[in-house]
Amino acid sequence: MVQLSLDTTFSALSDPTRRAILARLALGETSVKELARPFAMSLPAVSKHLKVLERAGLIARGREAQWRPARIAPRALKDIDEWLNAYRRFFDESFDRLDDYLKTLQAKDAKKEGGGGDGGAK
């Protein structure tokens, strides 16, 4: 994926209104009017958010007579997921190594507590 595309996508996702719009579109395509309903903003303001999402490749807009439905375009989200996968693998492997290290420390502590001789008993 081109870095510019990734930057554009993350920039579009940085706004909570646009994330809420995407969450709604994950349920299915809908109109601008329907998307604007939960927000205290004008239809032109919602349209501007949709244009940002569309430029980032996160949504697609159709045209059916006077109705311009918006729908989620999963490709950009798939690109983000692929980019994050490298980091996910890194952290999973790091956590696995940390888990192994903690188990080693716990085993050493258990040996110290349980194997310290007769504990001073006579």
PDB file of N, CA and C in Angstrom:
ATOM      1  N   MET A   1       0.842  -1.176   0.000  1.00  0.00           N
ATOM      2  CA  MET A   1       0.000   0.000   0.000  1.00  0.00           C
ATOM      3  C   MET A   1       0.885   1.236   0.000  1.00  0.00           C
ATOM      4  N   VAL A   2       0.495   2.243  -0.729  1.00  0.00           N
ATOM      5  CA  VAL A   2       1.233   3.490  -0.801  1.00  0.00           C
ATOM      6  C   VAL A   2       1.027   4.254   0.503  1.00  0.00           C
ATOM      7  N   GLN A   3       2.112   4.838   1.031  1.00  0.00           N
ATOM      8  CA  GLN A   3       2.042   5.558   2.309  1.00  0.00           C
ATOM      9  C   GLN A   3       1.025   6.687   2.269  1.00  0.00           C
ATOM     10  N   LEU A   4       0.948   7.411   1.145  1.00  0.00           N
ATOM     11  CA  LEU A   4       0.000   8.512   1.033  1.00  0.00           C
ATOM     12  C   LEU A   4      -1.426   8.007   1.237  1.00  0.00           C
ATOM     13  N   SER A   5      -1.752   6.879   0.651  1.00  0.00           N
ATOM     14  CA  SER A   5      -3.079   6.301   0.796  1.00  0.00           C
ATOM     15  C   SER A   5      -3.357   5.944   2.252  1.00  0.00           C
ATOM     16  N   LEU A   6      -2.371   5.374   2.908  1.00  0.00           N
ATOM     17  CA  LEU A   6      -2.521   5.020   4.316  1.00  0.00           C
ATOM     18  C   LEU A   6      -2.693   6.279   5.162  1.00  0.00           C
ATOM     19  N   ASP A   7      -1.916   7.314   4.863  1.00  0.00           N
ATOM     20  CA  ASP A   7      -2.046   8.581   5.582  1.00  0.00           C
ATOM     21  C   ASP A   7      -3.440   9.172   5.394  1.00  0.00           C
ATOM     22  N   THR A   8      -3.933   9.134   4.168  1.00  0.00           N
ATOM     23  CA  THR A   8      -5.259   9.667   3.872  1.00  0.00           C
ATOM     24  C   THR A   8      -6.326   8.892   4.626  1.00  0.00           C
ATOM     25  N   THR A   9      -6.184   7.589   4.668  1.00  0.00           N
ATOM     26  CA  THR A   9      -7.160   6.752   5.359  1.00  0.00           C
ATOM     27  C   THR A   9      -7.161   7.035   6.855  1.00  0.00           C
ATOM     28  N   PHE A  10      -5.982   7.065   7.470  1.00  0.00           N
ATOM     29  CA  PHE A  10      -5.927   7.347   8.907  1.00  0.00           C
ATOM     30  C   PHE A  10      -6.413   8.758   9.216  1.00  0.00           C
ATOM     31  N   SER A  11      -6.112   9.699   8.348  1.00  0.00           N
ATOM     32  CA  SER A  11      -6.592  11.063   8.543  1.00  0.00           C
ATOM     33  C   SER A  11      -8.121  11.093   8.521  1.00  0.00           C
ATOM     34  N   ALA A  12      -8.713  10.385   7.578  1.00  0.00           N
ATOM     35  CA  ALA A  12     -10.177  10.331   7.502  1.00  0.00           C
ATOM     36  C   ALA A  12     -10.758   9.682   8.752  1.00  0.00           C
ATOM     37  N   LEU A  13     -10.085   8.675   9.274  1.00  0.00           N
ATOM     38  CA  LEU A  13     -10.581   7.966  10.462  1.00  0.00           C
ATOM     39  C   LEU A  13     -10.323   8.724  11.763  1.00  0.00           C
ATOM     40  N   SER A  14      -9.558   9.798  11.700  1.00  0.00           N
ATOM     41  CA  SER A  14      -9.220  10.527  12.924  1.00  0.00           C
ATOM     42  C   SER A  14     -10.396  11.313  13.489  1.00  0.00           C
ATOM     43  N   ASP A  15     -11.426  11.508  12.706  1.00  0.00           N
ATOM     44  CA  ASP A  15     -12.584  12.281  13.151  1.00  0.00           C
ATOM     45  C   ASP A  15     -13.673  11.347  13.700  1.00  0.00           C
ATOM     46  N   PRO A  16     -14.171  11.620  14.914  1.00  0.00           N
ATOM     47  CA  PRO A  16     -15.182  10.734  15.511  1.00  0.00           C
ATOM     48  C   PRO A  16     -16.491  10.697  14.721  1.00  0.00           C
ATOM     49  N   THR A  17     -16.854  11.788  14.080  1.00  0.00           N
ATOM     50  CA  THR A  17     -18.083  11.790  13.272  1.00  0.00           C
ATOM     51  C   THR A  17     -17.936  10.845  12.094  1.00  0.00           C
ATOM     52  N   ARG A  18     -16.778  10.880  11.448  1.00  0.00           N
ATOM     53  CA  ARG A  18     -16.562   9.981  10.307  1.00  0.00           C
ATOM     54  C   ARG A  18     -16.511   8.528  10.748  1.00  0.00           C
ATOM     55  N   ARG A  19     -15.929   8.259  11.919  1.00  0.00           N
ATOM     56  CA  ARG A  19     -15.939   6.874  12.426  1.00  0.00           C
ATOM     57  C   ARG A  19     -17.365   6.417  12.712  1.00  0.00           C
ATOM     58  N   ALA A  20     -18.191   7.316  13.251  1.00  0.00           N
ATOM     59  CA  ALA A  20     -19.598   6.976  13.523  1.00  0.00           C
ATOM     60  C   ALA A  20     -20.349   6.726  12.214  1.00  0.00           C
ATOM     61  N   ILE A  21     -20.052   7.513  11.203  1.00  0.00           N
ATOM     62  CA  ILE A  21     -20.683   7.302   9.893  1.00  0.00           C
ATOM     63  C   ILE A  21     -20.288   5.932   9.343  1.00  0.00           C
ATOM     64  N   LEU A  22     -19.017   5.579   9.449  1.00  0.00           N
ATOM     65  CA  LEU A  22     -18.570   4.252   8.985  1.00  0.00           C
ATOM     66  C   LEU A  22     -19.258   3.136   9.749  1.00  0.00           C
ATOM     67  N   ALA A  23     -19.398   3.327  11.059  1.00  0.00           N
ATOM     68  CA  ALA A  23     -20.068   2.307  11.878  1.00  0.00           C
ATOM     69  C   ALA A  23     -21.505   2.116  11.395  1.00  0.00           C
ATOM     70  N   ARG A  24     -22.172   3.205  11.068  1.00  0.00           N
ATOM     71  CA  ARG A  24     -23.545   3.103  10.569  1.00  0.00           C
ATOM     72  C   ARG A  24     -23.566   2.415   9.209  1.00  0.00           C
ATOM     73  N   LEU A  25     -22.614   2.763   8.337  1.00  0.00           N
ATOM     74  CA  LEU A  25     -22.580   2.169   7.002  1.00  0.00           C
ATOM     75  C   LEU A  25     -22.206   0.691   7.034  1.00  0.00           C
ATOM     76  N   ALA A  26     -21.576   0.252   8.105  1.00  0.00           N
ATOM     77  CA  ALA A  26     -21.271  -1.180   8.240  1.00  0.00           C
ATOM     78  C   ALA A  26     -22.563  -1.997   8.327  1.00  0.00           C
ATOM     79  N   LEU A  27     -23.659  -1.345   8.687  1.00  0.00           N
ATOM     80  CA  LEU A  27     -24.963  -2.024   8.763  1.00  0.00           C
ATOM     81  C   LEU A  27     -25.646  -2.098   7.403  1.00  0.00           C
ATOM     82  N   GLY A  28     -25.185  -1.296   6.453  1.00  0.00           N
ATOM     83  CA  GLY A  28     -25.784  -1.292   5.119  1.00  0.00           C
ATOM     84  C   GLY A  28     -25.819   0.110   4.545  1.00  0.00           C
ATOM     85  N   GLU A  29     -26.034   0.182   3.222  1.00  0.00           N
ATOM     86  CA  GLU A  29     -26.024   1.488   2.581  1.00  0.00           C
ATOM     87  C   GLU A  29     -27.227   2.308   3.000  1.00  0.00           C
ATOM     88  N   THR A  30     -27.040   3.620   2.960  1.00  0.00           N
ATOM     89  CA  THR A  30     -28.114   4.525   3.371  1.00  0.00           C
ATOM     90  C   THR A  30     -27.901   5.901   2.751  1.00  0.00           C
ATOM     91  N   SER A  31     -28.850   6.776   2.961  1.00  0.00           N
ATOM     92  CA  SER A  31     -28.808   8.123   2.381  1.00  0.00           C
ATOM     93  C   SER A  31     -28.080   9.097   3.303  1.00  0.00           C
ATOM     94  N   VAL A  32     -27.716  10.245   2.738  1.00  0.00           N
ATOM     95  CA  VAL A  32     -27.075  11.305   3.523  1.00  0.00           C
ATOM     96  C   VAL A  32     -28.026  11.765   4.624  1.00  0.00           C
ATOM     97  N   LYS A  33     -29.286  11.898   4.273  1.00  0.00           N
ATOM     98  CA  LYS A  33     -30.293  12.347   5.250  1.00  0.00           C
ATOM     99  C   LYS A  33     -30.344  11.396   6.450  1.00  0.00           C
ATOM    100  N   GLU A  34     -30.331  10.115   6.174  1.00  0.00           N
ATOM    101  CA  GLU A  34     -30.354   9.111   7.249  1.00  0.00           C
ATOM    102  C   GLU A  34     -29.060   9.162   8.060  1.00  0.00           C
ATOM    103  N   LEU A  35     -27.931   9.344   7.390  1.00  0.00           N
ATOM    104  CA  LEU A  35     -26.650   9.430   8.093  1.00  0.00           C
ATOM    105  C   LEU A  35     -26.574  10.666   8.983  1.00  0.00           C
ATOM    106  N   ALA A  36     -27.222  11.755   8.553  1.00  0.00           N
ATOM    107  CA  ALA A  36     -27.172  13.017   9.303  1.00  0.00           C
ATOM    108  C   ALA A  36     -28.041  12.989  10.554  1.00  0.00           C
ATOM    109  N   ARG A  37     -29.016  12.112  10.589  1.00  0.00           N
ATOM    110  CA  ARG A  37     -30.009  12.094  11.671  1.00  0.00           C
ATOM    111  C   ARG A  37     -29.406  12.132  13.079  1.00  0.00           C
ATOM    112  N   PRO A  38     -28.404  11.299  13.428  1.00  0.00           N
ATOM    113  CA  PRO A  38     -27.904  11.321  14.816  1.00  0.00           C
ATOM    114  C   PRO A  38     -26.986  12.500  15.157  1.00  0.00           C
ATOM    115  N   PHE A  39     -26.642  13.305  14.167  1.00  0.00           N
ATOM    116  CA  PHE A  39     -25.685  14.381  14.405  1.00  0.00           C
ATOM    117  C   PHE A  39     -26.371  15.743  14.395  1.00  0.00           C
ATOM    118  N   ALA A  40     -25.854  16.644  15.190  1.00  0.00           N
ATOM    119  CA  ALA A  40     -26.360  18.016  15.222  1.00  0.00           C
ATOM    120  C   ALA A  40     -25.593  18.830  14.184  1.00  0.00           C
ATOM    121  N   MET A  41     -25.802  18.497  12.910  1.00  0.00           N
ATOM    122  CA  MET A  41     -25.124  19.224  11.839  1.00  0.00           C
ATOM    123  C   MET A  41     -25.991  19.198  10.592  1.00  0.00           C
ATOM    124  N   SER A  42     -25.672  20.094   9.692  1.00  0.00           N
ATOM    125  CA  SER A  42     -26.442  20.218   8.455  1.00  0.00           C
ATOM    126  C   SER A  42     -26.108  19.091   7.481  1.00  0.00           C
ATOM    127  N   LEU A  43     -26.988  18.916   6.481  1.00  0.00           N
ATOM    128  CA  LEU A  43     -26.720  17.922   5.440  1.00  0.00           C
ATOM    129  C   LEU A  43     -25.439  18.252   4.660  1.00  0.00           C
ATOM    130  N   PRO A  44     -25.170  19.545   4.350  1.00  0.00           N
ATOM    131  CA  PRO A  44     -23.903  19.848   3.672  1.00  0.00           C
ATOM    132  C   PRO A  44     -22.676  19.473   4.514  1.00  0.00           C
ATOM    133  N   ALA A  45     -22.772  19.624   5.829  1.00  0.00           N
ATOM    134  CA  ALA A  45     -21.643  19.248   6.695  1.00  0.00           C
ATOM    135  C   ALA A  45     -21.422  17.740   6.657  1.00  0.00           C
ATOM    136  N   VAL A  46     -22.499  16.977   6.688  1.00  0.00           N
ATOM    137  CA  VAL A  46     -22.379  15.514   6.590  1.00  0.00           C
ATOM    138  C   VAL A  46     -21.824  15.142   5.223  1.00  0.00           C
ATOM    139  N   SER A  47     -22.269  15.828   4.178  1.00  0.00           N
ATOM    140  CA  SER A  47     -21.750  15.563   2.830  1.00  0.00           C
ATOM    141  C   SER A  47     -20.247  15.790   2.761  1.00  0.00           C
ATOM    142  N   LYS A  48     -19.753  16.809   3.452  1.00  0.00           N
ATOM    143  CA  LYS A  48     -18.300  17.049   3.474  1.00  0.00           C
ATOM    144  C   LYS A  48     -17.564  15.886   4.123  1.00  0.00           C
ATOM    145  N   HIS A  49     -18.120  15.364   5.219  1.00  0.00           N
ATOM    146  CA  HIS A  49     -17.516  14.193   5.864  1.00  0.00           C
ATOM    147  C   HIS A  49     -17.519  13.007   4.898  1.00  0.00           C
ATOM    148  N   LEU A  50     -18.608  12.836   4.171  1.00  0.00           N
ATOM    149  CA  LEU A  50     -18.697  11.731   3.215  1.00  0.00           C
ATOM    150  C   LEU A  50     -17.660  11.880   2.101  1.00  0.00           C
ATOM    151  N   LYS A  51     -17.422  13.101   1.667  1.00  0.00           N
ATOM    152  CA  LYS A  51     -16.412  13.328   0.622  1.00  0.00           C
ATOM    153  C   LYS A  51     -15.025  12.946   1.120  1.00  0.00           C
ATOM    154  N   VAL A  52     -14.716  13.260   2.382  1.00  0.00           N
ATOM    155  CA  VAL A  52     -13.419  12.882   2.960  1.00  0.00           C
ATOM    156  C   VAL A  52     -13.299  11.360   3.003  1.00  0.00           C
ATOM    157  N   LEU A  53     -14.354  10.693   3.445  1.00  0.00           N
ATOM    158  CA  LEU A  53     -14.347   9.228   3.509  1.00  0.00           C
ATOM    159  C   LEU A  53     -14.231   8.623   2.107  1.00  0.00           C
ATOM    160  N   GLU A  54     -14.899   9.238   1.150  1.00  0.00           N
ATOM    161  CA  GLU A  54     -14.852   8.734  -0.220  1.00  0.00           C
ATOM    162  C   GLU A  54     -13.452   8.911  -0.820  1.00  0.00           C
ATOM    163  N   ARG A  55     -12.817  10.079  -0.603  1.00  0.00           N
ATOM    164  CA  ARG A  55     -11.456  10.309  -1.100  1.00  0.00           C
ATOM    165  C   ARG A  55     -10.470   9.314  -0.498  1.00  0.00           C
ATOM    166  N   ALA A  56     -10.732   8.898   0.743  1.00  0.00           N
ATOM    167  CA  ALA A  56      -9.851   7.933   1.410  1.00  0.00           C
ATOM    168  C   ALA A  56     -10.148   6.500   0.973  1.00  0.00           C
ATOM    169  N   GLY A  57     -11.183   6.328   0.171  1.00  0.00           N
ATOM    170  CA  GLY A  57     -11.535   4.993  -0.300  1.00  0.00           C
ATOM    171  C   GLY A  57     -12.302   4.170   0.713  1.00  0.00           C
ATOM    172  N   LEU A  58     -12.799   4.819   1.766  1.00  0.00           N
ATOM    173  CA  LEU A  58     -13.507   4.093   2.821  1.00  0.00           C
ATOM    174  C   LEU A  58     -14.979   3.876   2.510  1.00  0.00           C
ATOM    175  N   ILE A  59     -15.549   4.714   1.653  1.00  0.00           N
ATOM    176  CA  ILE A  59     -16.937   4.545   1.246  1.00  0.00           C
ATOM    177  C   ILE A  59     -17.048   4.723  -0.256  1.00  0.00           C
ATOM    178  N   ALA A  60     -18.152   4.265  -0.795  1.00  0.00           N
ATOM    179  CA  ALA A  60     -18.487   4.487  -2.201  1.00  0.00           C
ATOM    180  C   ALA A  60     -19.895   5.067  -2.225  1.00  0.00           C
ATOM    181  N   ARG A  61     -20.147   5.920  -3.193  1.00  0.00           N
ATOM    182  CA  ARG A  61     -21.469   6.521  -3.305  1.00  0.00           C
ATOM    183  C   ARG A  61     -22.039   6.204  -4.667  1.00  0.00           C
ATOM    184  N   GLY A  62     -23.294   5.846  -4.666  1.00  0.00           N
ATOM    185  CA  GLY A  62     -23.984   5.532  -5.910  1.00  0.00           C
ATOM    186  C   GLY A  62     -24.934   6.647  -6.291  1.00  0.00           C
ATOM    187  N   ARG A  63     -25.665   6.417  -7.351  1.00  0.00           N
ATOM    188  CA  ARG A  63     -26.685   7.370  -7.766  1.00  0.00           C
ATOM    189  C   ARG A  63     -27.870   6.585  -8.289  1.00  0.00           C
ATOM    190  N   GLU A  64     -28.986   6.765  -7.622  1.00  0.00           N
ATOM    191  CA  GLU A  64     -30.242   6.141  -8.039  1.00  0.00           C
ATOM    192  C   GLU A  64     -31.282   7.251  -8.060  1.00  0.00           C
ATOM    193  N   ALA A  65     -31.517   7.800  -9.232  1.00  0.00           N
ATOM    194  CA  ALA A  65     -32.429   8.943  -9.407  1.00  0.00           C
ATOM    195  C   ALA A  65     -31.947  10.090  -8.526  1.00  0.00           C
ATOM    196  N   GLN A  66     -32.767  10.543  -7.599  1.00  0.00           N
ATOM    197  CA  GLN A  66     -32.387  11.638  -6.709  1.00  0.00           C
ATOM    198  C   GLN A  66     -31.658  11.142  -5.458  1.00  0.00           C
ATOM    199  N   TRP A  67     -31.626   9.851  -5.271  1.00  0.00           N
ATOM    200  CA  TRP A  67     -31.041   9.262  -4.071  1.00  0.00           C
ATOM    201  C   TRP A  67     -29.588   8.912  -4.330  1.00  0.00           C
ATOM    202  N   ARG A  68     -28.692   9.348  -3.438  1.00  0.00           N
ATOM    203  CA  ARG A  68     -27.261   9.031  -3.559  1.00  0.00           C
ATOM    204  C   ARG A  68     -26.844   8.188  -2.364  1.00  0.00           C
ATOM    205  N   PRO A  69     -27.090   6.897  -2.408  1.00  0.00           N
ATOM    206  CA  PRO A  69     -26.753   6.062  -1.253  1.00  0.00           C
ATOM    207  C   PRO A  69     -25.243   5.953  -1.042  1.00  0.00           C
ATOM    208  N   ALA A  70     -24.864   5.874   0.200  1.00  0.00           N
ATOM    209  CA  ALA A  70     -23.457   5.656   0.562  1.00  0.00           C
ATOM    210  C   ALA A  70     -23.340   4.255   1.131  1.00  0.00           C
ATOM    211  N   ARG A  71     -22.222   3.629   0.858  1.00  0.00           N
ATOM    212  CA  ARG A  71     -21.981   2.282   1.402  1.00  0.00           C
ATOM    213  C   ARG A  71     -20.503   2.168   1.740  1.00  0.00           C
ATOM    214  N   ILE A  72     -20.212   1.297   2.659  1.00  0.00           N
ATOM    215  CA  ILE A  72     -18.827   1.104   3.079  1.00  0.00           C
ATOM    216  C   ILE A  72     -18.061   0.396   1.965  1.00  0.00           C
ATOM    217  N   ALA A  73     -16.809   0.778   1.790  1.00  0.00           N
ATOM    218  CA  ALA A  73     -15.927   0.150   0.802  1.00  0.00           C
ATOM    219  C   ALA A  73     -14.821  -0.545   1.585  1.00  0.00           C
ATOM    220  N   PRO A  74     -14.895  -1.832   1.749  1.00  0.00           N
ATOM    221  CA  PRO A  74     -13.988  -2.538   2.665  1.00  0.00           C
ATOM    222  C   PRO A  74     -12.529  -2.579   2.245  1.00  0.00           C
ATOM    223  N   ARG A  75     -12.187  -2.231   1.013  1.00  0.00           N
ATOM    224  CA  ARG A  75     -10.790  -2.359   0.561  1.00  0.00           C
ATOM    225  C   ARG A  75      -9.828  -1.535   1.413  1.00  0.00           C
ATOM    226  N   ALA A  76     -10.184  -0.277   1.691  1.00  0.00           N
ATOM    227  CA  ALA A  76      -9.277   0.572   2.477  1.00  0.00           C
ATOM    228  C   ALA A  76      -9.110   0.019   3.889  1.00  0.00           C
ATOM    229  N   LEU A  77     -10.172  -0.521   4.458  1.00  0.00           N
ATOM    230  CA  LEU A  77     -10.061  -1.114   5.794  1.00  0.00           C
ATOM    231  C   LEU A  77      -9.210  -2.372   5.751  1.00  0.00           C
ATOM    232  N   LYS A  78      -9.312  -3.113   4.660  1.00  0.00           N
ATOM    233  CA  LYS A  78      -8.478  -4.309   4.507  1.00  0.00           C
ATOM    234  C   LYS A  78      -7.007  -3.908   4.410  1.00  0.00           C
ATOM    235  N   ASP A  79      -6.721  -2.808   3.708  1.00  0.00           N
ATOM    236  CA  ASP A  79      -5.340  -2.322   3.609  1.00  0.00           C
ATOM    237  C   ASP A  79      -4.792  -1.952   4.990  1.00  0.00           C
ATOM    238  N   ILE A  80      -5.609  -1.306   5.805  1.00  0.00           N
ATOM    239  CA  ILE A  80      -5.184  -0.952   7.169  1.00  0.00           C
ATOM    240  C   ILE A  80      -4.929  -2.216   7.975  1.00  0.00           C
ATOM    241  N   ASP A  81      -5.824  -3.181   7.849  1.00  0.00           N
ATOM    242  CA  ASP A  81      -5.662  -4.438   8.586  1.00  0.00           C
ATOM    243  C   ASP A  81      -4.367  -5.137   8.182  1.00  0.00           C
ATOM    244  N   GLU A  82      -4.061  -5.146   6.887  1.00  0.00           N
ATOM    245  CA  GLU A  82      -2.815  -5.766   6.428  1.00  0.00           C
ATOM    246  C   GLU A  82      -1.602  -5.029   6.982  1.00  0.00           C
ATOM    247  N   TRP A  83      -1.666  -3.699   7.005  1.00  0.00           N
ATOM    248  CA  TRP A  83      -0.564  -2.905   7.543  1.00  0.00           C
ATOM    249  C   TRP A  83      -0.385  -3.181   9.036  1.00  0.00           C
ATOM    250  N   LEU A  84      -1.496  -3.282   9.753  1.00  0.00           N
ATOM    251  CA  LEU A  84      -1.434  -3.544  11.192  1.00  0.00           C
ATOM    252  C   LEU A  84      -0.980  -4.966  11.510  1.00  0.00           C
ATOM    253  N   ASN A  85      -1.189  -5.878  10.574  1.00  0.00           N
ATOM    254  CA  ASN A  85      -0.840  -7.281  10.805  1.00  0.00           C
ATOM    255  C   ASN A  85       0.621  -7.468  11.179  1.00  0.00           C
ATOM    256  N   ALA A  86       1.505  -6.732  10.542  1.00  0.00           N
ATOM    257  CA  ALA A  86       2.935  -6.841  10.866  1.00  0.00           C
ATOM    258  C   ALA A  86       3.174  -6.465  12.326  1.00  0.00           C
ATOM    259  N   TYR A  87       2.521  -5.443  12.777  1.00  0.00           N
ATOM    260  CA  TYR A  87       2.674  -5.006  14.163  1.00  0.00           C
ATOM    261  C   TYR A  87       1.986  -5.977  15.120  1.00  0.00           C
ATOM    262  N   ARG A  88       0.864  -6.512  14.693  1.00  0.00           N
ATOM    263  CA  ARG A  88       0.140  -7.489  15.513  1.00  0.00           C
ATOM    264  C   ARG A  88       1.014  -8.719  15.747  1.00  0.00           C
ATOM    265  N   ARG A  89       1.666  -9.196  14.681  1.00  0.00           N
ATOM    266  CA  ARG A  89       2.565 -10.353  14.819  1.00  0.00           C
ATOM    267  C   ARG A  89       3.719 -10.023  15.759  1.00  0.00           C
ATOM    268  N   PHE A  90       4.291  -8.837  15.606  1.00  0.00           N
ATOM    269  CA  PHE A  90       5.401  -8.419  16.471  1.00  0.00           C
ATOM    270  C   PHE A  90       4.974  -8.445  17.935  1.00  0.00           C
ATOM    271  N   PHE A  91       3.828  -7.839  18.243  1.00  0.00           N
ATOM    272  CA  PHE A  91       3.388  -7.783  19.631  1.00  0.00           C
ATOM    273  C   PHE A  91       2.978  -9.154  20.152  1.00  0.00           C
ATOM    274  N   ASP A  92       2.344  -9.971  19.328  1.00  0.00           N
ATOM    275  CA  ASP A  92       1.999 -11.330  19.756  1.00  0.00           C
ATOM    276  C   ASP A  92       3.251 -12.118  20.121  1.00  0.00           C
ATOM    277  N   GLU A  93       4.274 -12.034  19.266  1.00  0.00           N
ATOM    278  CA  GLU A  93       5.519 -12.744  19.545  1.00  0.00           C
ATOM    279  C   GLU A  93       6.212 -12.178  20.786  1.00  0.00           C
ATOM    280  N   SER A  94       6.169 -10.862  20.946  1.00  0.00           N
ATOM    281  CA  SER A  94       6.775 -10.235  22.130  1.00  0.00           C
ATOM    282  C   SER A  94       6.059 -10.674  23.401  1.00  0.00           C
ATOM    283  N   PHE A  95       4.735 -10.713  23.350  1.00  0.00           N
ATOM    284  CA  PHE A  95       3.973 -11.144  24.529  1.00  0.00           C
ATOM    285  C   PHE A  95       4.219 -12.616  24.837  1.00  0.00           C
ATOM    286  N   ASP A  96       4.372 -13.435  23.799  1.00  0.00           N
ATOM    287  CA  ASP A  96       4.688 -14.847  24.025  1.00  0.00           C
ATOM    288  C   ASP A  96       6.041 -14.993  24.725  1.00  0.00           C
ATOM    289  N   ARG A  97       7.044 -14.231  24.273  1.00  0.00           N
ATOM    290  CA  ARG A  97       8.361 -14.283  24.922  1.00  0.00           C
ATOM    291  C   ARG A  97       8.284 -13.779  26.362  1.00  0.00           C
ATOM    292  N   LEU A  98       7.527 -12.727  26.582  1.00  0.00           N
ATOM    293  CA  LEU A  98       7.354 -12.194  27.934  1.00  0.00           C
ATOM    294  C   LEU A  98       6.676 -13.227  28.825  1.00  0.00           C
ATOM    295  N   ASP A  99       5.670 -13.897  28.299  1.00  0.00           N
ATOM    296  CA  ASP A  99       4.975 -14.937  29.054  1.00  0.00           C
ATOM    297  C   ASP A  99       5.938 -16.069  29.437  1.00  0.00           C
ATOM    298  N   ASP A 100       6.769 -16.485  28.486  1.00  0.00           N
ATOM    299  CA  ASP A 100       7.761 -17.528  28.777  1.00  0.00           C
ATOM    300  C   ASP A 100       8.732 -17.069  29.871  1.00  0.00           C
ATOM    301  N   TYR A 101       9.172 -15.827  29.782  1.00  0.00           N
ATOM    302  CA  TYR A 101      10.105 -15.283  30.764  1.00  0.00           C
ATOM    303  C   TYR A 101       9.461 -15.232  32.157  1.00  0.00           C
ATOM    304  N   LEU A 102       8.223 -14.794  32.231  1.00  0.00           N
ATOM    305  CA  LEU A 102       7.527 -14.741  33.524  1.00  0.00           C
ATOM    306  C   LEU A 102       7.348 -16.131  34.128  1.00  0.00           C
ATOM    307  N   LYS A 103       7.058 -17.117  33.288  1.00  0.00           N
ATOM    308  CA  LYS A 103       6.932 -18.496  33.779  1.00  0.00           C
ATOM    309  C   LYS A 103       8.257 -18.985  34.346  1.00  0.00           C
ATOM    310  N   THR A 104       9.369 -18.619  33.694  1.00  0.00           N
ATOM    311  CA  THR A 104      10.699 -18.991  34.182  1.00  0.00           C
ATOM    312  C   THR A 104      10.959 -18.356  35.547  1.00  0.00           C
ATOM    313  N   LEU A 105      10.633 -17.069  35.673  1.00  0.00           N
ATOM    314  CA  LEU A 105      10.821 -16.381  36.957  1.00  0.00           C
ATOM    315  C   LEU A 105       9.957 -16.990  38.058  1.00  0.00           C
ATOM    316  N   GLN A 106       8.718 -17.313  37.723  1.00  0.00           N
ATOM    317  CA  GLN A 106       7.825 -17.919  38.711  1.00  0.00           C
ATOM    318  C   GLN A 106       8.328 -19.288  39.153  1.00  0.00           C
ATOM    319  N   ALA A 107       8.891 -20.039  38.209  1.00  0.00           N
ATOM    320  CA  ALA A 107       9.434 -21.359  38.556  1.00  0.00           C
ATOM    321  C   ALA A 107      10.637 -21.214  39.478  1.00  0.00           C
ATOM    322  N   LYS A 108      11.481 -20.213  39.222  1.00  0.00           N
ATOM    323  CA  LYS A 108      12.636 -19.970  40.095  1.00  0.00           C
ATOM    324  C   LYS A 108      12.179 -19.562  41.486  1.00  0.00           C
ATOM    325  N   ASP A 109      11.165 -18.700  41.560  1.00  0.00           N
ATOM    326  CA  ASP A 109      10.635 -18.278  42.866  1.00  0.00           C
ATOM    327  C   ASP A 109      10.040 -19.458  43.628  1.00  0.00           C
ATOM    328  N   ALA A 110       9.363 -20.344  42.923  1.00  0.00           N
ATOM    329  CA  ALA A 110       8.762 -21.509  43.571  1.00  0.00           C
ATOM    330  C   ALA A 110       9.841 -22.429  44.128  1.00  0.00           C
ATOM    331  N   LYS A 111      10.955 -22.579  43.399  1.00  0.00           N
ATOM    332  CA  LYS A 111      12.059 -23.405  43.884  1.00  0.00           C
ATOM    333  C   LYS A 111      12.675 -22.797  45.130  1.00  0.00           C
ATOM    334  N   LYS A 112      12.842 -21.461  45.147  1.00  0.00           N
ATOM    335  CA  LYS A 112      13.415 -20.786  46.313  1.00  0.00           C
ATOM    336  C   LYS A 112      12.537 -20.980  47.540  1.00  0.00           C
ATOM    337  N   GLU A 113      11.233 -20.831  47.358  1.00  0.00           N
ATOM    338  CA  GLU A 113      10.307 -20.926  48.497  1.00  0.00           C
ATOM    339  C   GLU A 113      10.156 -22.361  48.967  1.00  0.00           C
ATOM    340  N   GLY A 114      10.145 -23.304  48.062  1.00  0.00           N
ATOM    341  CA  GLY A 114       9.905 -24.687  48.444  1.00  0.00           C
ATOM    342  C   GLY A 114      11.157 -25.495  48.682  1.00  0.00           C
ATOM    343  N   GLY A 115      12.280 -25.095  48.154  1.00  0.00           N
ATOM    344  CA  GLY A 115      13.480 -25.911  48.242  1.00  0.00           C
ATOM    345  C   GLY A 115      14.549 -25.303  49.115  1.00  0.00           C
ATOM    346  N   GLY A 116      14.207 -24.516  50.100  1.00  0.00           N
ATOM    347  CA  GLY A 116      15.193 -23.830  50.913  1.00  0.00           C
ATOM    348  C   GLY A 116      15.638 -24.634  52.113  1.00  0.00           C
ATOM    349  N   GLY A 117      15.666 -25.922  52.052  1.00  0.00           N
ATOM    350  CA  GLY A 117      16.130 -26.758  53.197  1.00  0.00           C
ATOM    351  C   GLY A 117      14.975 -27.074  54.106  1.00  0.00           C
ATOM    352  N   ASP A 118      15.304 -27.218  55.403  1.00  0.00           N
ATOM    353  CA  ASP A 118      14.262 -27.636  56.349  1.00  0.00           C
ATOM    354  C   ASP A 118      13.554 -26.439  56.974  1.00  0.00           C
ATOM    355  N   GLY A 119      13.898 -25.233  56.545  1.00  0.00           N
ATOM    356  CA  GLY A 119      13.203 -24.052  57.013  1.00  0.00           C
ATOM    357  C   GLY A 119      13.516 -23.720  58.473  1.00  0.00           C
ATOM    358  N   GLY A 120      14.608 -24.243  59.019  1.00  0.00           N
ATOM    359  CA  GLY A 120      14.979 -23.932  60.391  1.00  0.00           C
ATOM    360  C   GLY A 120      14.349 -24.856  61.406  1.00  0.00           C
ATOM    361  N   ALA A 121      13.634 -25.896  61.005  1.00  0.00           N
ATOM    362  CA  ALA A 121      12.999 -26.820  61.945  1.00  0.00           C
ATOM    363  C   ALA A 121      14.040 -27.784  62.477  1.00  0.00           C
ATOM    364  N   LYS A 122      13.864 -28.184  63.738  1.00  0.00           N
ATOM    365  CA  LYS A 122      14.810 -29.102  64.356  1.00  0.00           C
ATOM    366  C   LYS A 122      14.155 -30.400  64.674  1.00  0.00           C
TER     367      LYS A 122
END
